[in-house]
Amino acid sequence: MPAGFLKHGTLSMIEASVYSLFFIPPPADVELHNRTMIAIEEIKTRGGTLVGLHFEGDSQAASLLDHAVALPEVPLLLAPFVEMILAQMFAYYTALDLKRNIDKPRNLAKSVTVG
């Protein structure tokens, strides 16, 4: 969910056993980066565990995260695509590890499965 949605009830669920995964935009995208940092700081003050993917050279993000993965710097327009690929790989390998059928997800709407 976008970091801006945290204010709508989600913050009440934050505790040390709840992991929050952030895909942090490059610092060059100043407004979006600042908003994401504010959301991370809010979770940090509530004791949540922070996991994040940030771009190299982003010392602010690296210092706030409990578990961090540094991504190579890429042009600003390519950054969302790099993060999207990693998000899909994360979901794929998480599903495999949980022994979920990746070809037939549970609770998928019939409108998606019937063409």
N, C-alpha and C. Protein backbone atom coordinates (compact mmCIF):
# COMPACT_ATOMS: atom_id res chain seq x y z
N MET A 1 0.84 -1.17 0.00
CA MET A 1 0.00 0.00 0.00
C MET A 1 0.88 1.23 0.00
N PRO A 2 0.44 2.30 -0.58
CA PRO A 2 1.24 3.53 -0.56
C PRO A 2 1.47 4.01 0.86
N ALA A 3 2.63 4.61 1.10
CA ALA A 3 2.99 5.07 2.44
C ALA A 3 1.98 6.06 2.99
N GLY A 4 1.34 6.84 2.13
CA GLY A 4 0.36 7.82 2.58
C GLY A 4 -0.88 7.21 3.21
N PHE A 5 -1.15 5.93 2.95
CA PHE A 5 -2.33 5.27 3.50
C PHE A 5 -2.16 4.87 4.96
N LEU A 6 -0.96 4.99 5.50
CA LEU A 6 -0.72 4.58 6.89
C LEU A 6 -1.62 5.31 7.87
N LYS A 7 -1.97 6.52 7.57
CA LYS A 7 -2.76 7.34 8.49
C LYS A 7 -4.19 6.83 8.65
N HIS A 8 -4.63 5.95 7.80
CA HIS A 8 -6.03 5.51 7.82
C HIS A 8 -6.22 4.19 8.56
N GLY A 9 -5.70 4.09 9.78
CA GLY A 9 -5.94 2.92 10.61
C GLY A 9 -4.84 1.90 10.65
N THR A 10 -4.01 1.86 9.64
CA THR A 10 -2.98 0.84 9.57
C THR A 10 -1.95 0.99 10.69
N LEU A 11 -1.66 2.21 11.10
CA LEU A 11 -0.66 2.44 12.15
C LEU A 11 -1.04 1.78 13.46
N SER A 12 -2.33 1.57 13.70
CA SER A 12 -2.75 0.95 14.96
C SER A 12 -2.32 -0.51 15.07
N MET A 13 -1.97 -1.14 13.96
CA MET A 13 -1.56 -2.55 13.97
C MET A 13 -0.05 -2.73 14.14
N ILE A 14 0.70 -1.65 14.14
CA ILE A 14 2.16 -1.74 14.17
C ILE A 14 2.65 -2.15 15.55
N GLU A 15 3.52 -3.15 15.56
CA GLU A 15 4.23 -3.60 16.77
C GLU A 15 5.49 -4.32 16.29
N ALA A 16 6.34 -4.73 17.23
CA ALA A 16 7.64 -5.31 16.87
C ALA A 16 7.51 -6.56 16.01
N SER A 17 6.43 -7.33 16.18
CA SER A 17 6.29 -8.57 15.42
C SER A 17 5.71 -8.35 14.02
N VAL A 18 5.35 -7.10 13.71
CA VAL A 18 4.79 -6.78 12.40
C VAL A 18 5.89 -6.17 11.54
N TYR A 19 6.18 -6.82 10.42
CA TYR A 19 7.20 -6.32 9.51
C TYR A 19 6.55 -5.41 8.48
N SER A 20 7.18 -4.28 8.24
CA SER A 20 6.72 -3.36 7.20
C SER A 20 7.77 -3.31 6.11
N LEU A 21 7.37 -3.62 4.89
CA LEU A 21 8.28 -3.66 3.76
C LEU A 21 8.11 -2.38 2.94
N PHE A 22 9.21 -1.67 2.73
CA PHE A 22 9.19 -0.41 1.99
C PHE A 22 10.06 -0.50 0.75
N PHE A 23 9.53 -0.01 -0.35
CA PHE A 23 10.29 0.19 -1.58
C PHE A 23 10.53 1.69 -1.65
N ILE A 24 11.72 2.11 -1.27
CA ILE A 24 12.01 3.52 -1.08
C ILE A 24 12.49 4.13 -2.40
N PRO A 25 11.82 5.19 -2.84
CA PRO A 25 12.23 5.83 -4.09
C PRO A 25 13.59 6.51 -3.94
N PRO A 26 14.27 6.77 -5.04
CA PRO A 26 15.57 7.43 -4.96
C PRO A 26 15.44 8.83 -4.36
N PRO A 27 16.47 9.30 -3.66
CA PRO A 27 16.44 10.65 -3.09
C PRO A 27 16.22 11.74 -4.13
N ALA A 28 16.54 11.47 -5.39
CA ALA A 28 16.33 12.46 -6.45
C ALA A 28 14.85 12.79 -6.63
N ASP A 29 13.97 11.86 -6.29
CA ASP A 29 12.52 12.10 -6.32
C ASP A 29 12.16 12.67 -4.94
N VAL A 30 12.48 13.93 -4.74
CA VAL A 30 12.49 14.55 -3.41
C VAL A 30 11.16 14.42 -2.67
N GLU A 31 10.07 14.80 -3.30
CA GLU A 31 8.78 14.79 -2.60
C GLU A 31 8.36 13.38 -2.18
N LEU A 32 8.43 12.44 -3.09
CA LEU A 32 8.03 11.06 -2.77
C LEU A 32 8.97 10.43 -1.75
N HIS A 33 10.26 10.72 -1.88
CA HIS A 33 11.24 10.20 -0.92
C HIS A 33 10.96 10.74 0.48
N ASN A 34 10.69 12.05 0.58
CA ASN A 34 10.41 12.64 1.89
C ASN A 34 9.15 12.06 2.52
N ARG A 35 8.12 11.87 1.73
CA ARG A 35 6.87 11.28 2.26
C ARG A 35 7.10 9.85 2.75
N THR A 36 7.90 9.11 2.01
CA THR A 36 8.20 7.74 2.42
C THR A 36 9.01 7.73 3.71
N MET A 37 9.96 8.65 3.84
CA MET A 37 10.77 8.73 5.06
C MET A 37 9.91 9.07 6.27
N ILE A 38 8.92 9.94 6.09
CA ILE A 38 8.01 10.28 7.19
C ILE A 38 7.24 9.04 7.63
N ALA A 39 6.75 8.26 6.68
CA ALA A 39 6.01 7.03 7.01
C ALA A 39 6.92 6.04 7.75
N ILE A 40 8.16 5.92 7.30
CA ILE A 40 9.11 5.01 7.96
C ILE A 40 9.37 5.47 9.39
N GLU A 41 9.55 6.77 9.58
CA GLU A 41 9.79 7.30 10.93
C GLU A 41 8.59 7.06 11.85
N GLU A 42 7.37 7.16 11.31
CA GLU A 42 6.18 6.91 12.12
C GLU A 42 6.14 5.46 12.59
N ILE A 43 6.46 4.54 11.72
CA ILE A 43 6.47 3.12 12.09
C ILE A 43 7.60 2.85 13.08
N LYS A 44 8.74 3.46 12.86
CA LYS A 44 9.89 3.28 13.75
C LYS A 44 9.55 3.75 15.16
N THR A 45 8.87 4.88 15.31
CA THR A 45 8.53 5.39 16.64
C THR A 45 7.51 4.50 17.35
N ARG A 46 6.76 3.71 16.60
CA ARG A 46 5.79 2.80 17.20
C ARG A 46 6.37 1.40 17.43
N GLY A 47 7.65 1.24 17.18
CA GLY A 47 8.32 -0.03 17.47
C GLY A 47 8.19 -1.08 16.39
N GLY A 48 7.75 -0.73 15.21
CA GLY A 48 7.62 -1.69 14.12
C GLY A 48 8.97 -2.09 13.56
N THR A 49 9.01 -3.25 12.94
CA THR A 49 10.22 -3.75 12.31
C THR A 49 10.20 -3.34 10.84
N LEU A 50 11.25 -2.66 10.41
CA LEU A 50 11.31 -2.09 9.07
C LEU A 50 12.26 -2.86 8.16
N VAL A 51 11.74 -3.25 7.02
CA VAL A 51 12.53 -3.89 5.97
C VAL A 51 12.38 -3.00 4.75
N GLY A 52 13.48 -2.72 4.08
CA GLY A 52 13.36 -1.82 2.95
C GLY A 52 14.38 -2.03 1.87
N LEU A 53 13.98 -1.70 0.66
CA LEU A 53 14.87 -1.67 -0.48
C LEU A 53 15.10 -0.20 -0.80
N HIS A 54 16.36 0.21 -0.77
CA HIS A 54 16.69 1.60 -1.05
C HIS A 54 17.83 1.63 -2.05
N PHE A 55 18.00 2.77 -2.67
CA PHE A 55 19.06 2.90 -3.66
C PHE A 55 20.36 3.32 -2.99
N GLU A 56 21.48 2.84 -3.54
CA GLU A 56 22.80 3.15 -2.98
C GLU A 56 22.96 4.65 -2.79
N GLY A 57 23.61 5.00 -1.71
CA GLY A 57 23.86 6.41 -1.41
C GLY A 57 22.77 7.05 -0.58
N ASP A 58 21.70 6.33 -0.30
CA ASP A 58 20.60 6.87 0.51
C ASP A 58 20.87 6.53 1.98
N SER A 59 21.72 7.31 2.61
CA SER A 59 22.11 7.03 3.99
C SER A 59 20.97 7.25 4.97
N GLN A 60 20.05 8.16 4.65
CA GLN A 60 18.91 8.41 5.53
C GLN A 60 18.05 7.15 5.65
N ALA A 61 17.74 6.53 4.54
CA ALA A 61 16.93 5.31 4.55
C ALA A 61 17.68 4.18 5.23
N ALA A 62 18.94 4.01 4.88
CA ALA A 62 19.73 2.91 5.44
C ALA A 62 19.81 3.00 6.96
N SER A 63 19.87 4.20 7.50
CA SER A 63 20.01 4.36 8.95
C SER A 63 18.72 4.05 9.70
N LEU A 64 17.58 4.16 9.04
CA LEU A 64 16.29 3.92 9.71
C LEU A 64 15.82 2.47 9.64
N LEU A 65 16.29 1.74 8.65
CA LEU A 65 15.79 0.39 8.42
C LEU A 65 16.45 -0.63 9.33
N ASP A 66 15.66 -1.62 9.78
CA ASP A 66 16.20 -2.73 10.57
C ASP A 66 16.89 -3.73 9.65
N HIS A 67 16.33 -3.93 8.47
CA HIS A 67 16.89 -4.84 7.46
C HIS A 67 16.83 -4.10 6.13
N ALA A 68 17.98 -3.95 5.48
CA ALA A 68 18.02 -3.15 4.26
C ALA A 68 18.69 -3.89 3.12
N VAL A 69 18.19 -3.63 1.93
CA VAL A 69 18.80 -4.13 0.70
C VAL A 69 19.11 -2.89 -0.14
N ALA A 70 20.38 -2.69 -0.47
CA ALA A 70 20.78 -1.55 -1.29
C ALA A 70 20.74 -1.93 -2.76
N LEU A 71 20.03 -1.14 -3.54
CA LEU A 71 19.92 -1.36 -4.98
C LEU A 71 20.90 -0.44 -5.70
N PRO A 72 21.40 -0.86 -6.84
CA PRO A 72 22.31 0.02 -7.58
C PRO A 72 21.58 1.26 -8.07
N GLU A 73 22.30 2.36 -8.16
CA GLU A 73 21.70 3.58 -8.66
C GLU A 73 21.33 3.40 -10.13
N VAL A 74 20.14 3.86 -10.47
CA VAL A 74 19.66 3.81 -11.85
C VAL A 74 19.05 5.17 -12.17
N PRO A 75 18.83 5.48 -13.45
CA PRO A 75 18.14 6.73 -13.78
C PRO A 75 16.77 6.76 -13.11
N LEU A 76 16.35 7.95 -12.72
CA LEU A 76 15.11 8.13 -11.97
C LEU A 76 13.91 7.47 -12.64
N LEU A 77 13.82 7.54 -13.95
CA LEU A 77 12.68 6.96 -14.66
C LEU A 77 12.66 5.44 -14.62
N LEU A 78 13.81 4.82 -14.40
CA LEU A 78 13.88 3.35 -14.35
C LEU A 78 13.69 2.79 -12.95
N ALA A 79 13.82 3.62 -11.93
CA ALA A 79 13.76 3.15 -10.54
C ALA A 79 12.49 2.36 -10.23
N PRO A 80 11.29 2.81 -10.62
CA PRO A 80 10.09 2.03 -10.31
C PRO A 80 10.09 0.64 -10.94
N PHE A 81 10.68 0.52 -12.12
CA PHE A 81 10.72 -0.78 -12.79
C PHE A 81 11.65 -1.74 -12.06
N VAL A 82 12.78 -1.24 -11.59
CA VAL A 82 13.71 -2.07 -10.82
C VAL A 82 13.01 -2.58 -9.56
N GLU A 83 12.32 -1.68 -8.86
CA GLU A 83 11.63 -2.08 -7.63
C GLU A 83 10.48 -3.03 -7.92
N MET A 84 9.78 -2.83 -9.04
CA MET A 84 8.66 -3.70 -9.38
C MET A 84 9.13 -5.13 -9.65
N ILE A 85 10.23 -5.26 -10.35
CA ILE A 85 10.77 -6.60 -10.63
C ILE A 85 11.15 -7.29 -9.32
N LEU A 86 11.79 -6.55 -8.43
CA LEU A 86 12.18 -7.13 -7.14
C LEU A 86 10.96 -7.48 -6.29
N ALA A 87 9.91 -6.67 -6.36
CA ALA A 87 8.69 -6.96 -5.61
C ALA A 87 8.06 -8.26 -6.10
N GLN A 88 8.04 -8.45 -7.41
CA GLN A 88 7.47 -9.68 -7.95
C GLN A 88 8.32 -10.90 -7.61
N MET A 89 9.63 -10.73 -7.62
CA MET A 89 10.50 -11.84 -7.23
C MET A 89 10.31 -12.17 -5.75
N PHE A 90 10.15 -11.14 -4.93
CA PHE A 90 9.92 -11.34 -3.50
C PHE A 90 8.63 -12.13 -3.28
N ALA A 91 7.56 -11.73 -3.97
CA ALA A 91 6.27 -12.43 -3.84
C ALA A 91 6.38 -13.87 -4.33
N TYR A 92 7.06 -14.07 -5.43
CA TYR A 92 7.22 -15.40 -6.01
C TYR A 92 7.96 -16.33 -5.05
N TYR A 93 9.11 -15.89 -4.55
CA TYR A 93 9.90 -16.76 -3.68
C TYR A 93 9.27 -16.93 -2.30
N THR A 94 8.52 -15.94 -1.85
CA THR A 94 7.78 -16.10 -0.60
C THR A 94 6.71 -17.17 -0.76
N ALA A 95 5.98 -17.13 -1.88
CA ALA A 95 4.95 -18.14 -2.15
C ALA A 95 5.56 -19.53 -2.25
N LEU A 96 6.69 -19.65 -2.91
CA LEU A 96 7.35 -20.95 -3.01
C LEU A 96 7.76 -21.45 -1.63
N ASP A 97 8.32 -20.57 -0.82
CA ASP A 97 8.77 -20.96 0.51
C ASP A 97 7.60 -21.39 1.40
N LEU A 98 6.44 -20.75 1.20
CA LEU A 98 5.25 -21.10 1.97
C LEU A 98 4.49 -22.27 1.36
N LYS A 99 5.05 -22.87 0.31
CA LYS A 99 4.45 -24.02 -0.37
C LYS A 99 3.07 -23.69 -0.95
N ARG A 100 2.93 -22.50 -1.49
CA ARG A 100 1.68 -22.08 -2.12
C ARG A 100 1.74 -22.38 -3.60
N ASN A 101 0.60 -22.70 -4.18
CA ASN A 101 0.52 -22.96 -5.62
C ASN A 101 0.54 -21.63 -6.35
N ILE A 102 1.67 -21.32 -6.97
CA ILE A 102 1.80 -20.02 -7.62
C ILE A 102 1.00 -19.92 -8.92
N ASP A 103 0.60 -21.05 -9.47
CA ASP A 103 -0.18 -21.03 -10.70
C ASP A 103 -1.68 -20.93 -10.46
N LYS A 104 -2.12 -21.22 -9.24
CA LYS A 104 -3.54 -21.12 -8.89
C LYS A 104 -3.66 -20.45 -7.52
N PRO A 105 -3.54 -19.13 -7.47
CA PRO A 105 -3.64 -18.43 -6.19
C PRO A 105 -5.01 -18.61 -5.55
N ARG A 106 -5.03 -18.65 -4.22
CA ARG A 106 -6.30 -18.78 -3.50
C ARG A 106 -7.10 -17.48 -3.61
N ASN A 107 -8.41 -17.62 -3.52
CA ASN A 107 -9.33 -16.48 -3.46
C ASN A 107 -9.22 -15.53 -4.65
N LEU A 108 -8.78 -16.03 -5.78
CA LEU A 108 -8.70 -15.19 -6.97
C LEU A 108 -10.09 -15.08 -7.58
N ALA A 109 -10.50 -13.88 -7.91
CA ALA A 109 -11.84 -13.65 -8.44
C ALA A 109 -12.06 -14.44 -9.73
N LYS A 110 -13.27 -14.95 -9.90
CA LYS A 110 -13.59 -15.74 -11.09
C LYS A 110 -13.41 -14.91 -12.36
N SER A 111 -13.65 -13.62 -12.28
CA SER A 111 -13.49 -12.77 -13.46
C SER A 111 -12.05 -12.74 -13.96
N VAL A 112 -11.11 -13.04 -13.07
CA VAL A 112 -9.70 -13.07 -13.47
C VAL A 112 -9.35 -14.42 -14.08
N THR A 113 -9.97 -15.48 -13.59
CA THR A 113 -9.61 -16.83 -14.02
C THR A 113 -10.37 -17.30 -15.26
N VAL A 114 -11.53 -16.71 -15.52
CA VAL A 114 -12.35 -17.12 -16.67
C VAL A 114 -12.21 -16.07 -17.75
N GLY A 115 -11.77 -16.47 -18.94
CA GLY A 115 -11.53 -15.48 -19.99
C GLY A 115 -12.55 -15.47 -20.99
